[in-house]
């Protein structure tokens, strides 16, 4: 009888060893397995591919491979975890209202937490979900443009067949069939508002973008691509970045870089309406050359005189409803895909 090829012998032996593993226990590294079985790294990778295809392990880039063959039995709780950065401010009440109403219509209750865009707070909240007290999770990730220490929490939930739907932002390197996102098309939004300014003849177009959330990065990408396509000069000194922690000191009339921007640009693209309102307060108090501001969310109206303001309308209610529907489909065993929603074309214009 023909002897099994080496990779199959190793795979069979590994599968035997995995019977003694507990859920989410980490396997030896590739280097350790090479030494353990005295085979090439390529042979080990073939073996791990086999185990992944059989659903026995999952691999996380930069972390290693973990045993997932013994899924815990999850009894339905009819509770959904919802984690957002904020709860009572800005666009969040509208989004949370649509989430809660849709969950209630489907006989689910909501467990709500806020991170205040703090990575450590997000970690603490996720730790409380380790007892499988929920059937699914809707979450607005924290500082999604930056590496996150919390990815293993989401992988663990997804591996326990507890689906996760991210809203607004998502971690680009977090891959799992039970993890999707429902967001706005922020790249296209950046294109739309910048194109609007270009059509009105503006050539010196500054910007204020948030650098620690993926929304800010994507809106910036649409902004600079539109400037380039229009042949409008891209001036680094007219592009300002802020983070969750630096917002108050950056969008401040004592910041010489901001004063330089508003005295060299005729228009400014703002990350959202909160930033537009802050900028408007500054424009009303110091000399400047700004004639137009464009923004996102259509939630707040800045107090401006003689300056045109336009804000794209956020699909707040739609986003919440779609996020819940997709999550419930996944809970019921259906496959779902991520989606980027269009900004509502109406927006708001004022002068």
C-alpha atoms as a PDB file:
ATOM      1  CA  UNK A   1       0.000   0.000   0.000  1.00  0.00           C
ATOM      2  CA  UNK A   2       1.332   3.444  -0.941  1.00  0.00           C
ATOM      3  CA  UNK A   3       2.547   5.534   1.944  1.00  0.00           C
ATOM      4  CA  UNK A   4       0.858   8.906   2.479  1.00  0.00           C
ATOM      5  CA  UNK A   5       2.942  11.883   1.298  1.00  0.00           C
ATOM      6  CA  UNK A   6       4.884  13.672   4.008  1.00  0.00           C
ATOM      7  CA  UNK A   7       2.547  16.685   4.195  1.00  0.00           C
ATOM      8  CA  UNK A   8      -0.421  14.364   4.731  1.00  0.00           C
ATOM      9  CA  UNK A   9       1.368  12.424   7.465  1.00  0.00           C
ATOM     10  CA  UNK A  10       2.109  15.675   9.267  1.00  0.00           C
ATOM     11  CA  UNK A  11      -1.455  16.956   8.782  1.00  0.00           C
ATOM     12  CA  UNK A  12      -2.919  13.726  10.188  1.00  0.00           C
ATOM     13  CA  UNK A  13      -0.603  13.860  13.190  1.00  0.00           C
ATOM     14  CA  UNK A  14      -1.488  17.507  13.826  1.00  0.00           C
ATOM     15  CA  UNK A  15      -5.209  16.709  13.631  1.00  0.00           C
ATOM     16  CA  UNK A  16      -4.689  14.000  16.242  1.00  0.00           C
ATOM     17  CA  UNK A  17      -2.891  16.446  18.527  1.00  0.00           C
ATOM     18  CA  UNK A  18      -5.649  19.040  18.062  1.00  0.00           C
ATOM     19  CA  UNK A  19      -8.148  16.711  19.736  1.00  0.00           C
ATOM     20  CA  UNK A  20      -6.492  17.690  23.021  1.00  0.00           C
ATOM     21  CA  UNK A  21      -6.656  21.436  22.318  1.00  0.00           C
ATOM     22  CA  UNK A  22      -9.201  23.813  23.816  1.00  0.00           C
ATOM     23  CA  UNK A  23     -11.058  26.365  21.722  1.00  0.00           C
ATOM     24  CA  UNK A  24      -8.868  29.280  20.534  1.00  0.00           C
ATOM     25  CA  UNK A  25      -5.678  27.636  21.864  1.00  0.00           C
ATOM     26  CA  UNK A  26      -2.655  28.758  19.871  1.00  0.00           C
ATOM     27  CA  UNK A  27      -0.718  26.253  17.758  1.00  0.00           C
ATOM     28  CA  UNK A  28       3.098  26.162  17.692  1.00  0.00           C
ATOM     29  CA  UNK A  29       4.657  28.616  15.240  1.00  0.00           C
ATOM     30  CA  UNK A  30       5.632  27.544  11.728  1.00  0.00           C
ATOM     31  CA  UNK A  31       9.283  27.523  12.794  1.00  0.00           C
ATOM     32  CA  UNK A  32       8.478  25.312  15.778  1.00  0.00           C
ATOM     33  CA  UNK A  33       6.482  22.912  13.600  1.00  0.00           C
ATOM     34  CA  UNK A  34       9.346  22.724  11.081  1.00  0.00           C
ATOM     35  CA  UNK A  35      11.675  21.690  13.894  1.00  0.00           C
ATOM     36  CA  UNK A  36       9.101  19.348  15.454  1.00  0.00           C
ATOM     37  CA  UNK A  37       8.503  17.365  12.242  1.00  0.00           C
ATOM     38  CA  UNK A  38      11.867  17.894  10.513  1.00  0.00           C
ATOM     39  CA  UNK A  39      10.212  19.067   7.301  1.00  0.00           C
ATOM     40  CA  UNK A  40      10.373  22.216   5.173  1.00  0.00           C
ATOM     41  CA  UNK A  41       8.429  25.382   5.937  1.00  0.00           C
ATOM     42  CA  UNK A  42       6.483  24.860   2.697  1.00  0.00           C
ATOM     43  CA  UNK A  43       5.328  21.427   3.899  1.00  0.00           C
ATOM     44  CA  UNK A  44       4.094  22.954   7.145  1.00  0.00           C
ATOM     45  CA  UNK A  45       2.201  25.660   5.241  1.00  0.00           C
ATOM     46  CA  UNK A  46       0.463  23.019   3.125  1.00  0.00           C
ATOM     47  CA  UNK A  47      -0.537  21.184   6.319  1.00  0.00           C
ATOM     48  CA  UNK A  48      -1.931  24.372   7.864  1.00  0.00           C
ATOM     49  CA  UNK A  49      -3.857  25.074   4.658  1.00  0.00           C
ATOM     50  CA  UNK A  50      -5.487  21.646   4.974  1.00  0.00           C
ATOM     51  CA  UNK A  51      -6.460  22.281   8.589  1.00  0.00           C
ATOM     52  CA  UNK A  52      -7.887  25.690   7.681  1.00  0.00           C
ATOM     53  CA  UNK A  53      -9.937  24.233   4.823  1.00  0.00           C
ATOM     54  CA  UNK A  54     -11.380  21.667   7.219  1.00  0.00           C
ATOM     55  CA  UNK A  55     -12.373  24.437   9.624  1.00  0.00           C
ATOM     56  CA  UNK A  56     -10.089  23.186  12.397  1.00  0.00           C
ATOM     57  CA  UNK A  57      -7.915  26.285  12.692  1.00  0.00           C
ATOM     58  CA  UNK A  58      -7.877  29.944  11.763  1.00  0.00           C
ATOM     59  CA  UNK A  59      -4.764  32.012  11.177  1.00  0.00           C
ATOM     60  CA  UNK A  60      -4.339  35.671  12.081  1.00  0.00           C
ATOM     61  CA  UNK A  61      -1.581  37.528  10.275  1.00  0.00           C
ATOM     62  CA  UNK A  62       1.184  38.518  12.655  1.00  0.00           C
ATOM     63  CA  UNK A  63      -0.335  36.493  15.496  1.00  0.00           C
ATOM     64  CA  UNK A  64      -0.377  32.807  14.510  1.00  0.00           C
ATOM     65  CA  UNK A  65      -2.828  29.926  14.106  1.00  0.00           C
ATOM     66  CA  UNK A  66      -5.568  29.024  16.590  1.00  0.00           C
ATOM     67  CA  UNK A  67      -7.725  25.945  17.099  1.00  0.00           C
ATOM     68  CA  UNK A  68     -11.388  26.556  16.226  1.00  0.00           C
ATOM     69  CA  UNK A  69     -12.641  23.010  15.765  1.00  0.00           C
ATOM     70  CA  UNK A  70     -14.496  22.871  19.081  1.00  0.00           C
ATOM     71  CA  UNK A  71     -17.029  25.651  18.784  1.00  0.00           C
ATOM     72  CA  UNK A  72     -18.789  26.336  22.019  1.00  0.00           C
ATOM     73  CA  UNK A  73     -22.508  25.663  22.020  1.00  0.00           C
ATOM     74  CA  UNK A  74     -24.147  29.076  21.944  1.00  0.00           C
ATOM     75  CA  UNK A  75     -27.687  29.255  23.190  1.00  0.00           C
ATOM     76  CA  UNK A  76     -29.621  32.218  21.882  1.00  0.00           C
ATOM     77  CA  UNK A  77     -29.920  35.103  24.323  1.00  0.00           C
ATOM     78  CA  UNK A  78     -32.001  37.430  22.077  1.00  0.00           C
ATOM     79  CA  UNK A  79     -29.578  40.202  23.014  1.00  0.00           C
ATOM     80  CA  UNK A  80     -27.407  42.230  20.651  1.00  0.00           C
ATOM     81  CA  UNK A  81     -24.329  44.138  21.797  1.00  0.00           C
ATOM     82  CA  UNK A  82     -23.952  47.642  20.381  1.00  0.00           C
ATOM     83  CA  UNK A  83     -20.730  49.590  20.846  1.00  0.00           C
ATOM     84  CA  UNK A  84     -20.367  53.131  19.502  1.00  0.00           C
ATOM     85  CA  UNK A  85     -17.823  55.850  20.160  1.00  0.00           C
ATOM     86  CA  UNK A  86     -20.493  58.175  21.540  1.00  0.00           C
ATOM     87  CA  UNK A  87     -24.178  57.830  22.440  1.00  0.00           C
ATOM     88  CA  UNK A  88     -25.992  61.109  23.061  1.00  0.00           C
ATOM     89  CA  UNK A  89     -24.101  63.449  20.729  1.00  0.00           C
ATOM     90  CA  UNK A  90     -24.156  64.418  17.091  1.00  0.00           C
ATOM     91  CA  UNK A  91     -25.554  61.776  14.651  1.00  0.00           C
ATOM     92  CA  UNK A  92     -25.506  58.922  17.160  1.00  0.00           C
ATOM     93  CA  UNK A  93     -29.016  59.295  18.663  1.00  0.00           C
ATOM     94  CA  UNK A  94     -30.578  58.897  15.196  1.00  0.00           C
ATOM     95  CA  UNK A  95     -28.469  55.849  14.364  1.00  0.00           C
ATOM     96  CA  UNK A  96     -29.072  54.194  17.724  1.00  0.00           C
ATOM     97  CA  UNK A  97     -32.801  54.867  17.501  1.00  0.00           C
ATOM     98  CA  UNK A  98     -33.024  53.056  14.157  1.00  0.00           C
ATOM     99  CA  UNK A  99     -30.949  50.162  15.525  1.00  0.00           C
ATOM    100  CA  UNK A 100     -33.091  49.787  18.633  1.00  0.00           C
ATOM    101  CA  UNK A 101     -36.384  50.038  16.729  1.00  0.00           C
ATOM    102  CA  UNK A 102     -35.323  47.388  14.214  1.00  0.00           C
ATOM    103  CA  UNK A 103     -34.058  45.069  16.958  1.00  0.00           C
ATOM    104  CA  UNK A 104     -37.275  45.494  18.941  1.00  0.00           C
ATOM    105  CA  UNK A 105     -39.349  44.653  15.869  1.00  0.00           C
ATOM    106  CA  UNK A 106     -37.427  41.373  15.714  1.00  0.00           C
ATOM    107  CA  UNK A 107     -37.820  40.609  19.468  1.00  0.00           C
ATOM    108  CA  UNK A 108     -34.190  41.418  20.325  1.00  0.00           C
ATOM    109  CA  UNK A 109     -32.962  43.667  23.115  1.00  0.00           C
ATOM    110  CA  UNK A 110     -29.915  45.927  23.004  1.00  0.00           C
ATOM    111  CA  UNK A 111     -26.856  46.085  25.262  1.00  0.00           C
ATOM    112  CA  UNK A 112     -25.354  49.534  24.629  1.00  0.00           C
ATOM    113  CA  UNK A 113     -21.844  50.766  25.450  1.00  0.00           C
ATOM    114  CA  UNK A 114     -19.737  53.750  24.396  1.00  0.00           C
ATOM    115  CA  UNK A 115     -15.941  53.886  24.029  1.00  0.00           C
ATOM    116  CA  UNK A 116     -15.447  57.665  23.726  1.00  0.00           C
ATOM    117  CA  UNK A 117     -13.008  56.614  20.989  1.00  0.00           C
ATOM    118  CA  UNK A 118     -10.703  55.091  23.613  1.00  0.00           C
ATOM    119  CA  UNK A 119      -8.861  51.873  22.741  1.00  0.00           C
ATOM    120  CA  UNK A 120      -8.589  50.814  26.387  1.00  0.00           C
ATOM    121  CA  UNK A 121     -12.304  51.392  26.964  1.00  0.00           C
ATOM    122  CA  UNK A 122     -13.080  49.314  23.893  1.00  0.00           C
ATOM    123  CA  UNK A 123     -10.931  46.511  25.348  1.00  0.00           C
ATOM    124  CA  UNK A 124     -12.768  46.637  28.674  1.00  0.00           C
ATOM    125  CA  UNK A 125     -16.161  46.463  26.966  1.00  0.00           C
ATOM    126  CA  UNK A 126     -15.119  43.537  24.780  1.00  0.00           C
ATOM    127  CA  UNK A 127     -13.871  41.658  27.838  1.00  0.00           C
ATOM    128  CA  UNK A 128     -17.390  41.739  29.275  1.00  0.00           C
ATOM    129  CA  UNK A 129     -18.683  40.007  26.136  1.00  0.00           C
ATOM    130  CA  UNK A 130     -16.445  36.965  26.532  1.00  0.00           C
ATOM    131  CA  UNK A 131     -19.171  35.030  28.340  1.00  0.00           C
ATOM    132  CA  UNK A 132     -21.202  34.782  25.124  1.00  0.00           C
ATOM    133  CA  UNK A 133     -23.951  36.961  26.596  1.00  0.00           C
ATOM    134  CA  UNK A 134     -24.978  38.213  23.138  1.00  0.00           C
ATOM    135  CA  UNK A 135     -26.060  36.710  19.822  1.00  0.00           C
ATOM    136  CA  UNK A 136     -24.299  39.333  17.709  1.00  0.00           C
ATOM    137  CA  UNK A 137     -22.425  42.612  17.864  1.00  0.00           C
ATOM    138  CA  UNK A 138     -22.780  45.960  16.073  1.00  0.00           C
ATOM    139  CA  UNK A 139     -19.713  48.080  16.698  1.00  0.00           C
ATOM    140  CA  UNK A 140     -18.142  51.331  15.653  1.00  0.00           C
ATOM    141  CA  UNK A 141     -14.437  50.582  15.875  1.00  0.00           C
ATOM    142  CA  UNK A 142     -12.095  52.823  17.818  1.00  0.00           C
ATOM    143  CA  UNK A 143      -9.383  54.726  15.925  1.00  0.00           C
ATOM    144  CA  UNK A 144      -9.830  52.456  12.937  1.00  0.00           C
ATOM    145  CA  UNK A 145      -7.004  54.048  10.932  1.00  0.00           C
ATOM    146  CA  UNK A 146      -4.477  52.787  13.484  1.00  0.00           C
ATOM    147  CA  UNK A 147      -3.320  49.283  14.452  1.00  0.00           C
ATOM    148  CA  UNK A 148      -5.648  47.872  17.103  1.00  0.00           C
ATOM    149  CA  UNK A 149      -4.798  45.580  20.042  1.00  0.00           C
ATOM    150  CA  UNK A 150      -8.413  44.385  20.110  1.00  0.00           C
ATOM    151  CA  UNK A 151      -8.580  42.341  16.902  1.00  0.00           C
ATOM    152  CA  UNK A 152      -8.288  39.023  18.757  1.00  0.00           C
ATOM    153  CA  UNK A 153     -11.497  39.820  20.678  1.00  0.00           C
ATOM    154  CA  UNK A 154     -13.431  40.183  17.433  1.00  0.00           C
ATOM    155  CA  UNK A 155     -11.857  37.056  15.977  1.00  0.00           C
ATOM    156  CA  UNK A 156     -12.855  35.134  19.093  1.00  0.00           C
ATOM    157  CA  UNK A 157     -16.490  36.268  18.891  1.00  0.00           C
ATOM    158  CA  UNK A 158     -16.666  35.490  15.177  1.00  0.00           C
ATOM    159  CA  UNK A 159     -15.077  32.091  15.782  1.00  0.00           C
ATOM    160  CA  UNK A 160     -17.828  31.342  18.309  1.00  0.00           C
ATOM    161  CA  UNK A 161     -20.390  32.012  15.553  1.00  0.00           C
ATOM    162  CA  UNK A 162     -21.289  35.373  17.067  1.00  0.00           C
ATOM    163  CA  UNK A 163     -21.320  37.667  14.001  1.00  0.00           C
ATOM    164  CA  UNK A 164     -19.922  41.194  14.080  1.00  0.00           C
ATOM    165  CA  UNK A 165     -21.078  44.136  11.952  1.00  0.00           C
ATOM    166  CA  UNK A 166     -18.887  47.244  11.991  1.00  0.00           C
ATOM    167  CA  UNK A 167     -20.464  50.621  11.245  1.00  0.00           C
ATOM    168  CA  UNK A 168     -18.795  53.842  10.051  1.00  0.00           C
ATOM    169  CA  UNK A 169     -15.276  52.444  10.209  1.00  0.00           C
ATOM    170  CA  UNK A 170     -13.623  49.054  10.266  1.00  0.00           C
ATOM    171  CA  UNK A 171     -10.211  47.479  10.756  1.00  0.00           C
ATOM    172  CA  UNK A 172      -8.846  46.719   7.310  1.00  0.00           C
ATOM    173  CA  UNK A 173      -6.796  43.693   8.401  1.00  0.00           C
ATOM    174  CA  UNK A 174      -9.657  42.044  10.315  1.00  0.00           C
ATOM    175  CA  UNK A 175     -10.808  39.232   8.047  1.00  0.00           C
ATOM    176  CA  UNK A 176     -13.444  36.629   8.930  1.00  0.00           C
ATOM    177  CA  UNK A 177     -16.582  35.344   7.238  1.00  0.00           C
ATOM    178  CA  UNK A 178     -18.582  36.370  10.332  1.00  0.00           C
ATOM    179  CA  UNK A 179     -17.288  39.958  10.255  1.00  0.00           C
ATOM    180  CA  UNK A 180     -18.603  42.567   7.802  1.00  0.00           C
ATOM    181  CA  UNK A 181     -19.077  46.346   7.736  1.00  0.00           C
ATOM    182  CA  UNK A 182     -21.799  48.840   6.833  1.00  0.00           C
ATOM    183  CA  UNK A 183     -20.299  52.261   6.183  1.00  0.00           C
ATOM    184  CA  UNK A 184     -20.759  55.390   4.103  1.00  0.00           C
ATOM    185  CA  UNK A 185     -18.797  55.699   0.865  1.00  0.00           C
ATOM    186  CA  UNK A 186     -16.332  58.165   2.340  1.00  0.00           C
ATOM    187  CA  UNK A 187     -13.990  58.203  -0.646  1.00  0.00           C
ATOM    188  CA  UNK A 188     -16.855  59.160  -2.949  1.00  0.00           C
ATOM    189  CA  UNK A 189     -18.049  61.704  -0.400  1.00  0.00           C
ATOM    190  CA  UNK A 190     -14.619  63.363  -0.459  1.00  0.00           C
ATOM    191  CA  UNK A 191     -14.826  63.491  -4.235  1.00  0.00           C
ATOM    192  CA  UNK A 192     -18.326  65.004  -4.232  1.00  0.00           C
ATOM    193  CA  UNK A 193     -17.653  67.891  -1.858  1.00  0.00           C
ATOM    194  CA  UNK A 194     -14.304  68.756  -3.448  1.00  0.00           C
ATOM    195  CA  UNK A 195     -15.792  68.629  -6.934  1.00  0.00           C
ATOM    196  CA  UNK A 196     -18.497  71.019  -5.773  1.00  0.00           C
ATOM    197  CA  UNK A 197     -15.875  73.566  -4.749  1.00  0.00           C
ATOM    198  CA  UNK A 198     -13.920  73.090  -7.974  1.00  0.00           C
ATOM    199  CA  UNK A 199     -17.052  73.690 -10.047  1.00  0.00           C
ATOM    200  CA  UNK A 200     -17.526  77.008  -8.241  1.00  0.00           C
ATOM    201  CA  UNK A 201     -14.068  78.090  -9.327  1.00  0.00           C
ATOM    202  CA  UNK A 202     -12.098  77.584  -6.114  1.00  0.00           C
ATOM    203  CA  UNK A 203      -8.413  76.837  -6.678  1.00  0.00           C
ATOM    204  CA  UNK A 204      -7.022  77.201  -3.158  1.00  0.00           C
ATOM    205  CA  UNK A 205      -8.925  74.490  -1.296  1.00  0.00           C
ATOM    206  CA  UNK A 206      -7.743  73.639   2.202  1.00  0.00           C
ATOM    207  CA  UNK A 207      -8.851  70.752   4.409  1.00  0.00           C
ATOM    208  CA  UNK A 208      -9.214  69.603   8.012  1.00  0.00           C
ATOM    209  CA  UNK A 209      -9.246  65.809   8.343  1.00  0.00           C
ATOM    210  CA  UNK A 210      -9.173  63.341  11.224  1.00  0.00           C
ATOM    211  CA  UNK A 211      -6.196  60.998  10.992  1.00  0.00           C
ATOM    212  CA  UNK A 212      -7.005  58.244  13.508  1.00  0.00           C
ATOM    213  CA  UNK A 213     -10.319  57.103  11.986  1.00  0.00           C
ATOM    214  CA  UNK A 214     -10.539  55.424   8.579  1.00  0.00           C
ATOM    215  CA  UNK A 215     -13.356  57.787   7.566  1.00  0.00           C
ATOM    216  CA  UNK A 216     -10.919  60.699   7.624  1.00  0.00           C
ATOM    217  CA  UNK A 217      -8.352  58.831   5.542  1.00  0.00           C
ATOM    218  CA  UNK A 218     -10.929  57.851   2.920  1.00  0.00           C
ATOM    219  CA  UNK A 219     -12.445  61.340   2.694  1.00  0.00           C
ATOM    220  CA  UNK A 220      -8.960  62.771   2.300  1.00  0.00           C
ATOM    221  CA  UNK A 221      -8.259  60.292  -0.511  1.00  0.00           C
ATOM    222  CA  UNK A 222     -11.319  61.503  -2.405  1.00  0.00           C
ATOM    223  CA  UNK A 223     -10.291  65.110  -1.794  1.00  0.00           C
ATOM    224  CA  UNK A 224      -6.738  64.839  -3.137  1.00  0.00           C
ATOM    225  CA  UNK A 225      -7.738  62.637  -6.084  1.00  0.00           C
ATOM    226  CA  UNK A 226     -10.325  65.228  -7.143  1.00  0.00           C
ATOM    227  CA  UNK A 227      -7.794  68.059  -6.818  1.00  0.00           C
ATOM    228  CA  UNK A 228      -5.353  66.098  -8.976  1.00  0.00           C
ATOM    229  CA  UNK A 229      -7.989  65.275 -11.600  1.00  0.00           C
ATOM    230  CA  UNK A 230      -8.994  68.933 -11.748  1.00  0.00           C
ATOM    231  CA  UNK A 231      -5.410  70.124 -12.034  1.00  0.00           C
ATOM    232  CA  UNK A 232      -5.716  72.077  -8.783  1.00  0.00           C
ATOM    233  CA  UNK A 233      -2.435  72.492  -6.871  1.00  0.00           C
ATOM    234  CA  UNK A 234      -2.052  70.363  -3.752  1.00  0.00           C
ATOM    235  CA  UNK A 235      -0.380  72.455  -1.068  1.00  0.00           C
ATOM    236  CA  UNK A 236       0.710  70.517   2.027  1.00  0.00           C
ATOM    237  CA  UNK A 237       0.445  73.611   4.218  1.00  0.00           C
ATOM    238  CA  UNK A 238      -3.254  73.842   3.347  1.00  0.00           C
ATOM    239  CA  UNK A 239      -3.936  70.288   4.608  1.00  0.00           C
ATOM    240  CA  UNK A 240      -4.289  69.885   8.366  1.00  0.00           C
ATOM    241  CA  UNK A 241      -4.715  66.697  10.382  1.00  0.00           C
ATOM    242  CA  UNK A 242      -6.039  66.202  13.896  1.00  0.00           C
ATOM    243  CA  UNK A 243      -6.716  63.227  16.173  1.00  0.00           C
ATOM    244  CA  UNK A 244      -9.280  62.551  18.866  1.00  0.00           C
ATOM    245  CA  UNK A 245      -6.881  63.972  21.446  1.00  0.00           C
ATOM    246  CA  UNK A 246      -5.469  66.903  19.416  1.00  0.00           C
ATOM    247  CA  UNK A 247      -8.729  68.260  17.999  1.00  0.00           C
ATOM    248  CA  UNK A 248      -9.133  71.136  20.463  1.00  0.00           C
ATOM    249  CA  UNK A 249      -5.569  72.395  20.120  1.00  0.00           C
ATOM    250  CA  UNK A 250      -5.468  71.987  16.327  1.00  0.00           C
ATOM    251  CA  UNK A 251      -8.813  73.625  15.488  1.00  0.00           C
ATOM    252  CA  UNK A 252      -7.972  76.675  17.546  1.00  0.00           C
ATOM    253  CA  UNK A 253      -7.408  80.308  16.603  1.00  0.00           C
ATOM    254  CA  UNK A 254      -4.138  80.293  18.549  1.00  0.00           C
ATOM    255  CA  UNK A 255      -2.755  77.693  16.112  1.00  0.00           C
ATOM    256  CA  UNK A 256      -0.582  79.618  13.620  1.00  0.00           C
ATOM    257  CA  UNK A 257      -0.850  76.838  11.040  1.00  0.00           C
ATOM    258  CA  UNK A 258      -4.637  77.086  11.044  1.00  0.00           C
ATOM    259  CA  UNK A 259      -4.481  80.875  10.724  1.00  0.00           C
ATOM    260  CA  UNK A 260      -2.150  80.482   7.750  1.00  0.00           C
ATOM    261  CA  UNK A 261      -4.573  78.034   6.127  1.00  0.00           C
ATOM    262  CA  UNK A 262      -7.652  80.261   6.467  1.00  0.00           C
ATOM    263  CA  UNK A 263      -5.715  83.242   5.081  1.00  0.00           C
ATOM    264  CA  UNK A 264      -4.446  81.400   2.025  1.00  0.00           C
ATOM    265  CA  UNK A 265      -7.536  79.376   1.008  1.00  0.00           C
ATOM    266  CA  UNK A 266     -10.876  80.445  -0.420  1.00  0.00           C
ATOM    267  CA  UNK A 267     -12.565  77.180   0.589  1.00  0.00           C
ATOM    268  CA  UNK A 268     -12.128  74.451   3.211  1.00  0.00           C
ATOM    269  CA  UNK A 269     -13.205  70.806   3.288  1.00  0.00           C
ATOM    270  CA  UNK A 270     -14.053  69.793   6.870  1.00  0.00           C
ATOM    271  CA  UNK A 271     -14.033  66.253   8.260  1.00  0.00           C
ATOM    272  CA  UNK A 272     -17.580  66.670   9.580  1.00  0.00           C
ATOM    273  CA  UNK A 273     -20.070  69.254  10.835  1.00  0.00           C
ATOM    274  CA  UNK A 274     -18.553  69.383  14.324  1.00  0.00           C
ATOM    275  CA  UNK A 275     -15.295  70.588  12.795  1.00  0.00           C
ATOM    276  CA  UNK A 276     -17.176  72.965  10.483  1.00  0.00           C
ATOM    277  CA  UNK A 277     -18.856  74.576  13.512  1.00  0.00           C
ATOM    278  CA  UNK A 278     -15.509  74.969  15.276  1.00  0.00           C
ATOM    279  CA  UNK A 279     -13.980  76.478  12.163  1.00  0.00           C
ATOM    280  CA  UNK A 280     -16.938  78.853  11.734  1.00  0.00           C
ATOM    281  CA  UNK A 281     -16.429  80.220  15.260  1.00  0.00           C
ATOM    282  CA  UNK A 282     -12.815  80.980  14.378  1.00  0.00           C
ATOM    283  CA  UNK A 283     -13.684  82.542  11.006  1.00  0.00           C
ATOM    284  CA  UNK A 284     -16.154  84.848  12.755  1.00  0.00           C
ATOM    285  CA  UNK A 285     -13.430  86.135  15.070  1.00  0.00           C
ATOM    286  CA  UNK A 286     -10.305  86.602  12.917  1.00  0.00           C
ATOM    287  CA  UNK A 287      -9.503  87.954   9.437  1.00  0.00           C
ATOM    288  CA  UNK A 288      -9.595  85.274   6.714  1.00  0.00           C
ATOM    289  CA  UNK A 289     -10.072  84.625   3.000  1.00  0.00           C
ATOM    290  CA  UNK A 290     -12.536  81.728   3.236  1.00  0.00           C
ATOM    291  CA  UNK A 291     -15.676  82.038   1.095  1.00  0.00           C
ATOM    292  CA  UNK A 292     -16.992  78.469   1.267  1.00  0.00           C
ATOM    293  CA  UNK A 293     -16.999  75.455   3.613  1.00  0.00           C
ATOM    294  CA  UNK A 294     -18.073  71.935   2.712  1.00  0.00           C
ATOM    295  CA  UNK A 295     -18.622  69.161   5.224  1.00  0.00           C
ATOM    296  CA  UNK A 296     -20.229  65.818   6.022  1.00  0.00           C
ATOM    297  CA  UNK A 297     -23.305  64.582   7.940  1.00  0.00           C
ATOM    298  CA  UNK A 298     -25.841  67.466   7.626  1.00  0.00           C
ATOM    299  CA  UNK A 299     -26.289  67.393  11.374  1.00  0.00           C
ATOM    300  CA  UNK A 300     -25.128  70.782  12.635  1.00  0.00           C
ATOM    301  CA  UNK A 301     -25.353  74.191  10.973  1.00  0.00           C
ATOM    302  CA  UNK A 302     -22.474  76.570  11.665  1.00  0.00           C
ATOM    303  CA  UNK A 303     -23.139  80.230  12.399  1.00  0.00           C
ATOM    304  CA  UNK A 304     -21.708  81.922   9.316  1.00  0.00           C
ATOM    305  CA  UNK A 305     -22.219  85.261   7.636  1.00  0.00           C
ATOM    306  CA  UNK A 306     -21.266  85.729   4.003  1.00  0.00           C
ATOM    307  CA  UNK A 307     -19.690  82.252   3.739  1.00  0.00           C
ATOM    308  CA  UNK A 308     -21.412  79.487   1.796  1.00  0.00           C
ATOM    309  CA  UNK A 309     -21.849  76.208   3.678  1.00  0.00           C
ATOM    310  CA  UNK A 310     -22.710  72.817   2.198  1.00  0.00           C
ATOM    311  CA  UNK A 311     -22.907  69.468   4.016  1.00  0.00           C
ATOM    312  CA  UNK A 312     -23.608  66.009   2.595  1.00  0.00           C
ATOM    313  CA  UNK A 313     -26.455  64.254   4.364  1.00  0.00           C
ATOM    314  CA  UNK A 314     -25.559  61.110   6.312  1.00  0.00           C
ATOM    315  CA  UNK A 315     -27.920  58.126   5.760  1.00  0.00           C
ATOM    316  CA  UNK A 316     -28.281  57.741   9.522  1.00  0.00           C
ATOM    317  CA  UNK A 317     -31.494  55.761   9.814  1.00  0.00           C
ATOM    318  CA  UNK A 318     -30.758  53.643   6.753  1.00  0.00           C
ATOM    319  CA  UNK A 319     -27.331  52.697   8.088  1.00  0.00           C
ATOM    320  CA  UNK A 320     -28.755  51.489  11.399  1.00  0.00           C
ATOM    321  CA  UNK A 321     -31.528  49.446   9.789  1.00  0.00           C
ATOM    322  CA  UNK A 322     -29.210  47.785   7.260  1.00  0.00           C
ATOM    323  CA  UNK A 323     -26.635  46.953   9.947  1.00  0.00           C
ATOM    324  CA  UNK A 324     -29.295  45.192  12.059  1.00  0.00           C
ATOM    325  CA  UNK A 325     -30.831  43.320   9.136  1.00  0.00           C
ATOM    326  CA  UNK A 326     -27.479  42.019   7.974  1.00  0.00           C
ATOM    327  CA  UNK A 327     -26.537  40.988  11.509  1.00  0.00           C
ATOM    328  CA  UNK A 328     -29.795  39.097  12.027  1.00  0.00           C
ATOM    329  CA  UNK A 329     -29.351  37.335   8.682  1.00  0.00           C
ATOM    330  CA  UNK A 330     -25.894  36.205   9.793  1.00  0.00           C
ATOM    331  CA  UNK A 331     -27.259  35.008  13.143  1.00  0.00           C
ATOM    332  CA  UNK A 332     -29.732  32.915  11.175  1.00  0.00           C
ATOM    333  CA  UNK A 333     -26.938  31.315   9.158  1.00  0.00           C
ATOM    334  CA  UNK A 334     -27.078  33.432   5.997  1.00  0.00           C
ATOM    335  CA  UNK A 335     -23.985  34.844   4.315  1.00  0.00           C
ATOM    336  CA  UNK A 336     -23.776  38.631   4.144  1.00  0.00           C
ATOM    337  CA  UNK A 337     -21.501  41.104   2.398  1.00  0.00           C
ATOM    338  CA  UNK A 338     -20.084  44.443   3.465  1.00  0.00           C
ATOM    339  CA  UNK A 339     -21.651  47.536   1.912  1.00  0.00           C
ATOM    340  CA  UNK A 340     -20.746  51.219   1.467  1.00  0.00           C
ATOM    341  CA  UNK A 341     -23.861  53.418   1.433  1.00  0.00           C
ATOM    342  CA  UNK A 342     -24.172  56.489  -0.763  1.00  0.00           C
ATOM    343  CA  UNK A 343     -24.381  59.904   0.807  1.00  0.00           C
ATOM    344  CA  UNK A 344     -27.811  61.436   0.313  1.00  0.00           C
ATOM    345  CA  UNK A 345     -27.547  63.862  -2.626  1.00  0.00           C
ATOM    346  CA  UNK A 346     -29.699  66.621  -1.131  1.00  0.00           C
ATOM    347  CA  UNK A 347     -27.321  67.882   1.516  1.00  0.00           C
ATOM    348  CA  UNK A 348     -27.814  71.399   2.865  1.00  0.00           C
ATOM    349  CA  UNK A 349     -26.673  74.725   1.515  1.00  0.00           C
ATOM    350  CA  UNK A 350     -26.731  78.010   3.377  1.00  0.00           C
ATOM    351  CA  UNK A 351     -25.105  81.389   3.277  1.00  0.00           C
END
